[in-house]
Every structure is written in structure tokens, then in C-alpha cells.
């Protein structure tokens, strides 16, 4: 089963998700947030990391499909 059949494509690009994730990390590291704000940011960071992983997995699949088969 391909990634297309498992889950729908995210509407966020890899670059958008990576940029927002970096911002989430900066905000968490800066501190000064309430517990609830920190938890919300952490949850958003997990979502964004999943989006990034999705795009990296798709790229890996495309590269593998495009690579010539190894001869044994």
C-alpha cells in the first residue's frame, strides 16, 4: 500500500511545516508560557513533525522508485 492510499496528502508543504515547527521550538525554548500554552505548542509540534515525516517518506519512496534496480 502506498502512502497515498494510507492517508490523504497534508495541505501544508514540507517547507511550511518545517518553518512552523522551528518557530514552535523557539517559543518553547524561550519559556515564559503557561502550562496550557506549552502543551498546546507541544501538540502542534508533534503534528508538524508528522507532516514533515510524511513528506520525507514520500520523497524516499519516489527516489526508490526512480532508482535503477540493483543487479545481483
N, C-alpha and C. Protein backbone atom coordinates (compact mmCIF):
# COMPACT_ATOMS: atom_id res chain seq x y z
N UNK A 1 0.85 -1.17 0.00
CA UNK A 1 0.00 0.00 0.00
C UNK A 1 0.90 1.24 0.00
N UNK A 2 0.64 2.20 -0.87
CA UNK A 2 1.45 3.41 -0.94
C UNK A 2 0.97 4.42 0.11
N UNK A 3 1.76 5.46 0.29
CA UNK A 3 1.40 6.50 1.25
C UNK A 3 0.10 7.18 0.84
N UNK A 4 -0.16 7.27 -0.49
CA UNK A 4 -1.40 7.89 -0.96
C UNK A 4 -2.63 7.13 -0.47
N UNK A 5 -2.55 5.82 -0.40
CA UNK A 5 -3.69 5.01 -0.01
C UNK A 5 -3.89 4.98 1.50
N UNK A 6 -2.85 5.23 2.27
CA UNK A 6 -2.94 5.18 3.73
C UNK A 6 -3.59 6.44 4.30
N UNK A 7 -3.09 7.59 3.89
CA UNK A 7 -3.58 8.84 4.44
C UNK A 7 -3.63 9.90 3.34
N UNK A 8 -4.54 10.86 3.46
CA UNK A 8 -4.58 11.93 2.47
C UNK A 8 -3.33 12.82 2.58
N UNK A 9 -2.98 13.45 1.49
CA UNK A 9 -1.84 14.37 1.50
C UNK A 9 -2.12 15.55 2.43
N UNK A 10 -1.13 15.95 3.22
CA UNK A 10 -1.30 17.14 4.04
C UNK A 10 -1.44 18.37 3.14
N UNK A 11 -2.15 19.36 3.61
CA UNK A 11 -2.28 20.60 2.84
C UNK A 11 -1.09 21.52 3.07
N UNK A 12 -0.30 21.23 4.08
CA UNK A 12 0.89 22.00 4.40
C UNK A 12 2.09 21.39 3.70
N UNK A 13 2.92 22.23 3.07
CA UNK A 13 4.12 21.72 2.43
C UNK A 13 5.16 21.38 3.49
N UNK A 14 6.17 20.62 3.06
CA UNK A 14 7.27 20.29 3.97
C UNK A 14 7.92 21.57 4.50
N UNK A 15 8.19 22.50 3.60
CA UNK A 15 8.87 23.74 4.00
C UNK A 15 8.05 24.56 4.98
N UNK A 16 6.74 24.63 4.75
CA UNK A 16 5.87 25.36 5.68
C UNK A 16 5.85 24.70 7.05
N UNK A 17 5.73 23.38 7.06
CA UNK A 17 5.69 22.66 8.33
C UNK A 17 7.01 22.79 9.08
N UNK A 18 8.12 22.68 8.36
CA UNK A 18 9.44 22.80 8.99
C UNK A 18 9.63 24.18 9.59
N UNK A 19 9.22 25.21 8.86
CA UNK A 19 9.36 26.58 9.36
C UNK A 19 8.51 26.80 10.61
N UNK A 20 7.27 26.34 10.58
CA UNK A 20 6.40 26.49 11.75
C UNK A 20 6.92 25.67 12.93
N UNK A 21 7.43 24.48 12.65
CA UNK A 21 7.99 23.64 13.71
C UNK A 21 9.18 24.33 14.37
N UNK A 22 10.04 24.95 13.57
CA UNK A 22 11.18 25.68 14.13
C UNK A 22 10.70 26.82 15.03
N UNK A 23 9.62 27.49 14.62
CA UNK A 23 9.05 28.57 15.44
C UNK A 23 8.49 28.02 16.75
N UNK A 24 7.82 26.88 16.68
CA UNK A 24 7.28 26.24 17.89
C UNK A 24 8.42 25.92 18.86
N UNK A 25 9.48 25.37 18.35
CA UNK A 25 10.64 25.02 19.19
C UNK A 25 11.22 26.28 19.83
N UNK A 26 11.39 27.34 19.04
CA UNK A 26 11.93 28.59 19.59
C UNK A 26 11.06 29.11 20.72
N UNK A 27 9.73 29.08 20.51
CA UNK A 27 8.81 29.58 21.54
C UNK A 27 8.87 28.74 22.80
N UNK A 28 8.95 27.42 22.64
CA UNK A 28 9.05 26.55 23.82
C UNK A 28 10.36 26.77 24.56
N UNK A 29 11.44 26.91 23.81
CA UNK A 29 12.75 27.12 24.44
C UNK A 29 12.85 28.47 25.14
N UNK A 30 12.13 29.47 24.64
CA UNK A 30 12.18 30.81 25.23
C UNK A 30 11.52 30.82 26.61
N UNK A 31 10.56 29.91 26.81
CA UNK A 31 9.89 29.84 28.10
C UNK A 31 8.90 30.97 28.29
N UNK A 32 8.47 31.14 29.53
CA UNK A 32 7.54 32.20 29.88
C UNK A 32 6.10 31.89 29.49
N UNK A 33 5.82 30.64 29.13
CA UNK A 33 4.47 30.25 28.74
C UNK A 33 3.77 29.54 29.89
N UNK A 34 2.47 29.57 29.84
CA UNK A 34 1.73 28.80 30.83
C UNK A 34 1.84 27.32 30.47
N UNK A 35 1.47 26.48 31.39
CA UNK A 35 1.49 25.04 31.12
C UNK A 35 0.59 24.71 29.94
N UNK A 36 -0.59 25.29 29.91
CA UNK A 36 -1.55 25.02 28.82
C UNK A 36 -0.98 25.47 27.47
N UNK A 37 -0.36 26.65 27.45
CA UNK A 37 0.26 27.14 26.21
C UNK A 37 1.38 26.20 25.76
N UNK A 38 2.18 25.77 26.70
CA UNK A 38 3.28 24.85 26.38
C UNK A 38 2.76 23.53 25.84
N UNK A 39 1.72 22.99 26.46
CA UNK A 39 1.14 21.73 25.99
C UNK A 39 0.55 21.88 24.59
N UNK A 40 -0.12 22.99 24.35
CA UNK A 40 -0.70 23.23 23.03
C UNK A 40 0.38 23.33 21.96
N UNK A 41 1.44 24.04 22.30
CA UNK A 41 2.56 24.15 21.36
C UNK A 41 3.22 22.80 21.12
N UNK A 42 3.40 22.03 22.19
CA UNK A 42 3.99 20.70 22.05
C UNK A 42 3.15 19.84 21.11
N UNK A 43 1.83 19.85 21.32
CA UNK A 43 0.94 19.07 20.46
C UNK A 43 1.02 19.53 19.00
N UNK A 44 1.08 20.83 18.79
CA UNK A 44 1.21 21.34 17.42
C UNK A 44 2.55 20.91 16.82
N UNK A 45 3.59 20.94 17.64
CA UNK A 45 4.90 20.49 17.17
C UNK A 45 4.89 19.03 16.75
N UNK A 46 4.18 18.20 17.50
CA UNK A 46 4.05 16.78 17.14
C UNK A 46 3.33 16.62 15.81
N UNK A 47 2.27 17.40 15.61
CA UNK A 47 1.54 17.35 14.34
C UNK A 47 2.46 17.76 13.18
N UNK A 48 3.19 18.84 13.37
CA UNK A 48 4.08 19.33 12.33
C UNK A 48 5.21 18.35 12.04
N UNK A 49 5.72 17.71 13.07
CA UNK A 49 6.76 16.69 12.86
C UNK A 49 6.21 15.54 12.03
N UNK A 50 4.95 15.19 12.26
CA UNK A 50 4.31 14.15 11.47
C UNK A 50 4.16 14.54 10.01
N UNK A 51 3.83 15.80 9.76
CA UNK A 51 3.72 16.29 8.39
C UNK A 51 5.09 16.23 7.71
N UNK A 52 6.11 16.68 8.40
CA UNK A 52 7.47 16.62 7.84
C UNK A 52 7.87 15.18 7.54
N UNK A 53 7.57 14.28 8.45
CA UNK A 53 7.92 12.87 8.24
C UNK A 53 7.17 12.30 7.04
N UNK A 54 5.92 12.69 6.88
CA UNK A 54 5.14 12.24 5.73
C UNK A 54 5.84 12.63 4.43
N UNK A 55 6.23 13.91 4.31
CA UNK A 55 6.87 14.37 3.08
C UNK A 55 8.22 13.71 2.86
N UNK A 56 8.97 13.49 3.93
CA UNK A 56 10.27 12.81 3.79
C UNK A 56 10.08 11.36 3.35
N UNK A 57 9.07 10.69 3.89
CA UNK A 57 8.77 9.31 3.47
C UNK A 57 8.37 9.26 2.01
N UNK A 58 7.54 10.21 1.60
CA UNK A 58 7.12 10.26 0.19
C UNK A 58 8.32 10.49 -0.73
N UNK A 59 9.21 11.39 -0.34
CA UNK A 59 10.40 11.66 -1.15
C UNK A 59 11.26 10.40 -1.25
N UNK A 60 11.41 9.69 -0.14
CA UNK A 60 12.19 8.45 -0.12
C UNK A 60 11.57 7.41 -1.06
N UNK A 61 10.23 7.30 -1.04
CA UNK A 61 9.54 6.37 -1.92
C UNK A 61 9.76 6.73 -3.39
N UNK A 62 9.68 8.01 -3.70
CA UNK A 62 9.88 8.45 -5.08
C UNK A 62 11.30 8.18 -5.55
N UNK A 63 12.27 8.43 -4.68
CA UNK A 63 13.66 8.15 -5.04
C UNK A 63 13.89 6.67 -5.26
N UNK A 64 13.31 5.85 -4.40
CA UNK A 64 13.47 4.41 -4.54
C UNK A 64 12.83 3.92 -5.84
N UNK A 65 11.69 4.49 -6.20
CA UNK A 65 11.00 4.08 -7.43
C UNK A 65 11.77 4.52 -8.67
N UNK A 66 12.48 5.64 -8.56
CA UNK A 66 13.20 6.19 -9.70
C UNK A 66 14.59 5.55 -9.86
N UNK A 67 15.11 4.97 -8.80
CA UNK A 67 16.45 4.40 -8.84
C UNK A 67 16.44 3.11 -9.66
N UNK A 68 17.50 2.88 -10.42
CA UNK A 68 17.56 1.63 -11.18
C UNK A 68 17.67 0.43 -10.22
N UNK A 69 17.07 -0.66 -10.62
CA UNK A 69 17.11 -1.88 -9.79
C UNK A 69 18.53 -2.39 -9.73
N UNK A 70 18.92 -2.81 -8.53
CA UNK A 70 20.27 -3.38 -8.36
C UNK A 70 20.31 -4.79 -8.93
N UNK A 71 21.39 -5.07 -9.63
CA UNK A 71 21.55 -6.41 -10.18
C UNK A 71 22.39 -7.22 -9.22
N UNK A 72 22.01 -8.48 -9.01
CA UNK A 72 22.69 -9.30 -8.02
C UNK A 72 23.60 -10.21 -8.63
